[in-house]
Amino acid sequence: MLSKEIPQQLVGRYFNESGISFVRADNPRISQDILIPAERSGAMPGQIVVVDIVEPPSRNNLPVGHIC
């Protein structure tokens, strides 16, 4: 689970499944996927990317990020 001490950027693998784009962090301590808005993806599925976190996780929502 992401905590308040998460970095502003992280590295992970980009996925696009059923029209939902997300990045799964390479760091095993971060268990939540980071949602990527479709218009901000610019990456191919399976590609390693750097993500800027633009919205931290909340109780009901996953974090949101943009690919650098």
PDB file of N, CA and C in Angstrom:
ATOM      1  N   MET A   1       0.839  -1.186   0.000  1.00  0.00           N
ATOM      2  CA  MET A   1       0.000   0.000   0.000  1.00  0.00           C
ATOM      3  C   MET A   1       0.875   1.237   0.000  1.00  0.00           C
ATOM      4  N   LEU A   2       0.514   2.221  -0.806  1.00  0.00           N
ATOM      5  CA  LEU A   2       1.265   3.466  -0.843  1.00  0.00           C
ATOM      6  C   LEU A   2       1.020   4.260   0.424  1.00  0.00           C
ATOM      7  N   SER A   3       2.051   4.902   0.887  1.00  0.00           N
ATOM      8  CA  SER A   3       1.907   5.727   2.085  1.00  0.00           C
ATOM      9  C   SER A   3       2.187   7.175   1.724  1.00  0.00           C
ATOM     10  N   LYS A   4       2.063   8.061   2.703  1.00  0.00           N
ATOM     11  CA  LYS A   4       2.295   9.483   2.461  1.00  0.00           C
ATOM     12  C   LYS A   4       3.752   9.765   2.118  1.00  0.00           C
ATOM     13  N   GLU A   5       4.664   8.838   2.408  1.00  0.00           N
ATOM     14  CA  GLU A   5       6.079   9.045   2.138  1.00  0.00           C
ATOM     15  C   GLU A   5       6.490   8.549   0.755  1.00  0.00           C
ATOM     16  N   ILE A   6       5.546   8.327  -0.134  1.00  0.00           N
ATOM     17  CA  ILE A   6       5.896   7.822  -1.457  1.00  0.00           C
ATOM     18  C   ILE A   6       6.663   8.884  -2.231  1.00  0.00           C
ATOM     19  N   PRO A   7       7.540   8.451  -3.124  1.00  0.00           N
ATOM     20  CA  PRO A   7       8.249   9.435  -3.943  1.00  0.00           C
ATOM     21  C   PRO A   7       7.287  10.090  -4.935  1.00  0.00           C
ATOM     22  N   GLN A   8       7.653  11.241  -5.422  1.00  0.00           N
ATOM     23  CA  GLN A   8       6.836  11.925  -6.415  1.00  0.00           C
ATOM     24  C   GLN A   8       6.926  11.230  -7.769  1.00  0.00           C
ATOM     25  N   GLN A   9       7.981  10.467  -7.975  1.00  0.00           N
ATOM     26  CA  GLN A   9       8.150   9.680  -9.199  1.00  0.00           C
ATOM     27  C   GLN A   9       8.467   8.248  -8.811  1.00  0.00           C
ATOM     28  N   LEU A  10       8.067   7.326  -9.680  1.00  0.00           N
ATOM     29  CA  LEU A  10       8.474   5.946  -9.482  1.00  0.00           C
ATOM     30  C   LEU A  10       8.577   5.239 -10.821  1.00  0.00           C
ATOM     31  N   VAL A  11       9.276   4.122 -10.820  1.00  0.00           N
ATOM     32  CA  VAL A  11       9.521   3.336 -12.026  1.00  0.00           C
ATOM     33  C   VAL A  11       8.658   2.089 -11.971  1.00  0.00           C
ATOM     34  N   GLY A  12       8.080   1.744 -13.105  1.00  0.00           N
ATOM     35  CA  GLY A  12       7.259   0.541 -13.152  1.00  0.00           C
ATOM     36  C   GLY A  12       6.975   0.125 -14.583  1.00  0.00           C
ATOM     37  N   ARG A  13       6.192  -0.935 -14.721  1.00  0.00           N
ATOM     38  CA  ARG A  13       5.838  -1.468 -16.035  1.00  0.00           C
ATOM     39  C   ARG A  13       4.427  -1.024 -16.388  1.00  0.00           C
ATOM     40  N   TYR A  14       4.279  -0.544 -17.624  1.00  0.00           N
ATOM     41  CA  TYR A  14       3.011  -0.022 -18.117  1.00  0.00           C
ATOM     42  C   TYR A  14       2.141  -1.152 -18.651  1.00  0.00           C
ATOM     43  N   PHE A  15       0.856  -1.135 -18.300  1.00  0.00           N
ATOM     44  CA  PHE A  15      -0.122  -2.118 -18.770  1.00  0.00           C
ATOM     45  C   PHE A  15      -1.355  -1.400 -19.281  1.00  0.00           C
ATOM     46  N   ASN A  16      -2.056  -2.028 -20.225  1.00  0.00           N
ATOM     47  CA  ASN A  16      -3.339  -1.530 -20.709  1.00  0.00           C
ATOM     48  C   ASN A  16      -4.235  -2.748 -20.838  1.00  0.00           C
ATOM     49  N   GLU A  17      -5.171  -2.909 -19.914  1.00  0.00           N
ATOM     50  CA  GLU A  17      -6.057  -4.072 -19.893  1.00  0.00           C
ATOM     51  C   GLU A  17      -7.502  -3.590 -19.888  1.00  0.00           C
ATOM     52  N   SER A  18      -8.270  -4.070 -20.838  1.00  0.00           N
ATOM     53  CA  SER A  18      -9.700  -3.714 -20.958  1.00  0.00           C
ATOM     54  C   SER A  18      -9.907  -2.207 -21.006  1.00  0.00           C
ATOM     55  N   GLY A  19      -8.996  -1.499 -21.675  1.00  0.00           N
ATOM     56  CA  GLY A  19      -9.131  -0.061 -21.818  1.00  0.00           C
ATOM     57  C   GLY A  19      -8.673   0.752 -20.623  1.00  0.00           C
ATOM     58  N   ILE A  20      -8.146   0.104 -19.598  1.00  0.00           N
ATOM     59  CA  ILE A  20      -7.665   0.798 -18.397  1.00  0.00           C
ATOM     60  C   ILE A  20      -6.146   0.772 -18.411  1.00  0.00           C
ATOM     61  N   SER A  21      -5.542   1.953 -18.382  1.00  0.00           N
ATOM     62  CA  SER A  21      -4.085   2.076 -18.398  1.00  0.00           C
ATOM     63  C   SER A  21      -3.590   2.254 -16.965  1.00  0.00           C
ATOM     64  N   PHE A  22      -2.530   1.499 -16.624  1.00  0.00           N
ATOM     65  CA  PHE A  22      -1.961   1.623 -15.291  1.00  0.00           C
ATOM     66  C   PHE A  22      -0.501   1.207 -15.305  1.00  0.00           C
ATOM     67  N   VAL A  23       0.207   1.590 -14.259  1.00  0.00           N
ATOM     68  CA  VAL A  23       1.608   1.211 -14.080  1.00  0.00           C
ATOM     69  C   VAL A  23       1.702   0.432 -12.786  1.00  0.00           C
ATOM     70  N   ARG A  24       2.384  -0.703 -12.855  1.00  0.00           N
ATOM     71  CA  ARG A  24       2.652  -1.516 -11.674  1.00  0.00           C
ATOM     72  C   ARG A  24       4.095  -1.236 -11.265  1.00  0.00           C
ATOM     73  N   ALA A  25       4.283  -0.711 -10.062  1.00  0.00           N
ATOM     74  CA  ALA A  25       5.600  -0.296  -9.581  1.00  0.00           C
ATOM     75  C   ALA A  25       6.562  -1.472  -9.498  1.00  0.00           C
ATOM     76  N   ASP A  26       7.831  -1.207  -9.841  1.00  0.00           N
ATOM     77  CA  ASP A  26       8.873  -2.230  -9.706  1.00  0.00           C
ATOM     78  C   ASP A  26       9.213  -2.494  -8.244  1.00  0.00           C
ATOM     79  N   ASN A  27       8.998  -1.509  -7.385  1.00  0.00           N
ATOM     80  CA  ASN A  27       9.275  -1.635  -5.962  1.00  0.00           C
ATOM     81  C   ASN A  27       8.204  -2.530  -5.328  1.00  0.00           C
ATOM     82  N   PRO A  28       8.568  -3.704  -4.801  1.00  0.00           N
ATOM     83  CA  PRO A  28       7.566  -4.610  -4.231  1.00  0.00           C
ATOM     84  C   PRO A  28       6.872  -4.057  -2.986  1.00  0.00           C
ATOM     85  N   ARG A  29       7.413  -3.011  -2.385  1.00  0.00           N
ATOM     86  CA  ARG A  29       6.769  -2.410  -1.211  1.00  0.00           C
ATOM     87  C   ARG A  29       5.557  -1.564  -1.596  1.00  0.00           C
ATOM     88  N   ILE A  30       5.424  -1.240  -2.875  1.00  0.00           N
ATOM     89  CA  ILE A  30       4.278  -0.462  -3.358  1.00  0.00           C
ATOM     90  C   ILE A  30       3.323  -1.438  -4.023  1.00  0.00           C
ATOM     91  N   SER A  31       2.213  -1.705  -3.361  1.00  0.00           N
ATOM     92  CA  SER A  31       1.300  -2.757  -3.828  1.00  0.00           C
ATOM     93  C   SER A  31       0.152  -2.233  -4.676  1.00  0.00           C
ATOM     94  N   GLN A  32      -0.074  -0.929  -4.704  1.00  0.00           N
ATOM     95  CA  GLN A  32      -1.173  -0.371  -5.490  1.00  0.00           C
ATOM     96  C   GLN A  32      -0.682   0.001  -6.888  1.00  0.00           C
ATOM     97  N   ASP A  33      -1.539  -0.234  -7.886  1.00  0.00           N
ATOM     98  CA  ASP A  33      -1.241   0.203  -9.238  1.00  0.00           C
ATOM     99  C   ASP A  33      -1.508   1.702  -9.340  1.00  0.00           C
ATOM    100  N   ILE A  34      -0.819   2.370 -10.271  1.00  0.00           N
ATOM    101  CA  ILE A  34      -1.010   3.788 -10.507  1.00  0.00           C
ATOM    102  C   ILE A  34      -1.791   3.938 -11.801  1.00  0.00           C
ATOM    103  N   LEU A  35      -2.972   4.536 -11.725  1.00  0.00           N
ATOM    104  CA  LEU A  35      -3.806   4.731 -12.908  1.00  0.00           C
ATOM    105  C   LEU A  35      -3.204   5.816 -13.790  1.00  0.00           C
ATOM    106  N   ILE A  36      -3.274   5.596 -15.100  1.00  0.00           N
ATOM    107  CA  ILE A  36      -2.764   6.557 -16.068  1.00  0.00           C
ATOM    108  C   ILE A  36      -3.924   6.973 -16.966  1.00  0.00           C
ATOM    109  N   PRO A  37      -4.279   8.259 -17.003  1.00  0.00           N
ATOM    110  CA  PRO A  37      -5.338   8.691 -17.920  1.00  0.00           C
ATOM    111  C   PRO A  37      -4.963   8.336 -19.356  1.00  0.00           C
ATOM    112  N   ALA A  38      -5.939   7.899 -20.151  1.00  0.00           N
ATOM    113  CA  ALA A  38      -5.680   7.413 -21.511  1.00  0.00           C
ATOM    114  C   ALA A  38      -4.959   8.449 -22.369  1.00  0.00           C
ATOM    115  N   GLU A  39      -5.319   9.702 -22.232  1.00  0.00           N
ATOM    116  CA  GLU A  39      -4.698  10.734 -23.058  1.00  0.00           C
ATOM    117  C   GLU A  39      -3.261  11.027 -22.653  1.00  0.00           C
ATOM    118  N   ARG A  40      -2.817  10.497 -21.512  1.00  0.00           N
ATOM    119  CA  ARG A  40      -1.464  10.770 -21.017  1.00  0.00           C
ATOM    120  C   ARG A  40      -0.558   9.546 -21.066  1.00  0.00           C
ATOM    121  N   SER A  41      -0.962   8.491 -21.760  1.00  0.00           N
ATOM    122  CA  SER A  41      -0.160   7.265 -21.714  1.00  0.00           C
ATOM    123  C   SER A  41       1.118   7.399 -22.533  1.00  0.00           C
ATOM    124  N   GLY A  42       1.046   7.384 -23.860  1.00  0.00           N
ATOM    125  CA  GLY A  42       2.233   7.534 -24.694  1.00  0.00           C
ATOM    126  C   GLY A  42       3.239   6.403 -24.573  1.00  0.00           C
ATOM    127  N   ALA A  43       2.857   5.266 -24.047  1.00  0.00           N
ATOM    128  CA  ALA A  43       3.771   4.136 -23.879  1.00  0.00           C
ATOM    129  C   ALA A  43       3.122   2.877 -24.446  1.00  0.00           C
ATOM    130  N   MET A  44       3.943   1.896 -24.722  1.00  0.00           N
ATOM    131  CA  MET A  44       3.470   0.611 -25.216  1.00  0.00           C
ATOM    132  C   MET A  44       3.329  -0.343 -24.030  1.00  0.00           C
ATOM    133  N   PRO A  45       2.309  -1.214 -24.038  1.00  0.00           N
ATOM    134  CA  PRO A  45       2.166  -2.185 -22.949  1.00  0.00           C
ATOM    135  C   PRO A  45       3.434  -3.017 -22.769  1.00  0.00           C
ATOM    136  N   GLY A  46       3.832  -3.181 -21.517  1.00  0.00           N
ATOM    137  CA  GLY A  46       5.030  -3.932 -21.177  1.00  0.00           C
ATOM    138  C   GLY A  46       6.275  -3.078 -21.051  1.00  0.00           C
ATOM    139  N   GLN A  47       6.198  -1.831 -21.464  1.00  0.00           N
ATOM    140  CA  GLN A  47       7.338  -0.933 -21.422  1.00  0.00           C
ATOM    141  C   GLN A  47       7.596  -0.464 -19.992  1.00  0.00           C
ATOM    142  N   ILE A  48       8.894  -0.311 -19.632  1.00  0.00           N
ATOM    143  CA  ILE A  48       9.274   0.251 -18.340  1.00  0.00           C
ATOM    144  C   ILE A  48       9.223   1.767 -18.465  1.00  0.00           C
ATOM    145  N   VAL A  49       8.520   2.422 -17.523  1.00  0.00           N
ATOM    146  CA  VAL A  49       8.311   3.865 -17.593  1.00  0.00           C
ATOM    147  C   VAL A  49       8.569   4.518 -16.235  1.00  0.00           C
ATOM    148  N   VAL A  50       8.743   5.832 -16.260  1.00  0.00           N
ATOM    149  CA  VAL A  50       8.819   6.644 -15.048  1.00  0.00           C
ATOM    150  C   VAL A  50       7.507   7.406 -14.957  1.00  0.00           C
ATOM    151  N   VAL A  51       6.901   7.396 -13.771  1.00  0.00           N
ATOM    152  CA  VAL A  51       5.588   8.008 -13.565  1.00  0.00           C
ATOM    153  C   VAL A  51       5.684   9.126 -12.535  1.00  0.00           C
ATOM    154  N   ASP A  52       5.093  10.270 -12.860  1.00  0.00           N
ATOM    155  CA  ASP A  52       4.905  11.350 -11.890  1.00  0.00           C
ATOM    156  C   ASP A  52       3.566  11.118 -11.206  1.00  0.00           C
ATOM    157  N   ILE A  53       3.551  11.066  -9.885  1.00  0.00           N
ATOM    158  CA  ILE A  53       2.302  10.925  -9.138  1.00  0.00           C
ATOM    159  C   ILE A  53       1.646  12.300  -9.061  1.00  0.00           C
ATOM    160  N   VAL A  54       0.420  12.410  -9.610  1.00  0.00           N
ATOM    161  CA  VAL A  54      -0.269  13.699  -9.592  1.00  0.00           C
ATOM    162  C   VAL A  54      -1.427  13.722  -8.591  1.00  0.00           C
ATOM    163  N   GLU A  55      -1.952  12.549  -8.233  1.00  0.00           N
ATOM    164  CA  GLU A  55      -2.982  12.445  -7.203  1.00  0.00           C
ATOM    165  C   GLU A  55      -2.623  11.276  -6.300  1.00  0.00           C
ATOM    166  N   PRO A  56      -2.407  11.531  -5.026  1.00  0.00           N
ATOM    167  CA  PRO A  56      -2.075  10.434  -4.116  1.00  0.00           C
ATOM    168  C   PRO A  56      -3.282   9.521  -3.901  1.00  0.00           C
ATOM    169  N   PRO A  57      -3.040   8.325  -3.392  1.00  0.00           N
ATOM    170  CA  PRO A  57      -4.163   7.424  -3.134  1.00  0.00           C
ATOM    171  C   PRO A  57      -5.033   7.947  -1.998  1.00  0.00           C
ATOM    172  N   SER A  58      -6.283   7.557  -2.047  1.00  0.00           N
ATOM    173  CA  SER A  58      -7.194   7.874  -0.956  1.00  0.00           C
ATOM    174  C   SER A  58      -7.838   6.563  -0.502  1.00  0.00           C
ATOM    175  N   ARG A  59      -8.721   6.668   0.434  1.00  0.00           N
ATOM    176  CA  ARG A  59      -9.378   5.474   0.953  1.00  0.00           C
ATOM    177  C   ARG A  59     -10.139   4.727  -0.146  1.00  0.00           C
ATOM    178  N   ASN A  60     -10.709   5.465  -1.107  1.00  0.00           N
ATOM    179  CA  ASN A  60     -11.549   4.864  -2.128  1.00  0.00           C
ATOM    180  C   ASN A  60     -10.955   4.868  -3.536  1.00  0.00           C
ATOM    181  N   ASN A  61      -9.834   5.531  -3.734  1.00  0.00           N
ATOM    182  CA  ASN A  61      -9.280   5.682  -5.077  1.00  0.00           C
ATOM    183  C   ASN A  61      -7.807   5.305  -5.135  1.00  0.00           C
ATOM    184  N   LEU A  62      -7.415   4.756  -6.276  1.00  0.00           N
ATOM    185  CA  LEU A  62      -6.013   4.468  -6.523  1.00  0.00           C
ATOM    186  C   LEU A  62      -5.289   5.762  -6.881  1.00  0.00           C
ATOM    187  N   PRO A  63      -3.968   5.777  -6.743  1.00  0.00           N
ATOM    188  CA  PRO A  63      -3.214   6.973  -7.151  1.00  0.00           C
ATOM    189  C   PRO A  63      -3.301   7.152  -8.667  1.00  0.00           C
ATOM    190  N   VAL A  64      -3.129   8.397  -9.103  1.00  0.00           N
ATOM    191  CA  VAL A  64      -3.148   8.729 -10.526  1.00  0.00           C
ATOM    192  C   VAL A  64      -1.803   9.354 -10.872  1.00  0.00           C
ATOM    193  N   GLY A  65      -1.285   9.002 -12.044  1.00  0.00           N
ATOM    194  CA  GLY A  65       0.001   9.542 -12.461  1.00  0.00           C
ATOM    195  C   GLY A  65       0.046   9.807 -13.953  1.00  0.00           C
ATOM    196  N   HIS A  66       1.105  10.490 -14.359  1.00  0.00           N
ATOM    197  CA  HIS A  66       1.369  10.768 -15.767  1.00  0.00           C
ATOM    198  C   HIS A  66       2.744  10.196 -16.102  1.00  0.00           C
ATOM    199  N   ILE A  67       2.867   9.599 -17.261  1.00  0.00           N
ATOM    200  CA  ILE A  67       4.147   9.058 -17.701  1.00  0.00           C
ATOM    201  C   ILE A  67       5.043  10.209 -18.123  1.00  0.00           C
ATOM    202  N   CYS A  68       6.289  10.189 -17.629  1.00  0.00           N
ATOM    203  CA  CYS A  68       7.249  11.252 -17.967  1.00  0.00           C
ATOM    204  C   CYS A  68       7.754  11.110 -19.381  1.00  0.00           C
TER     205      CYS A  68
END
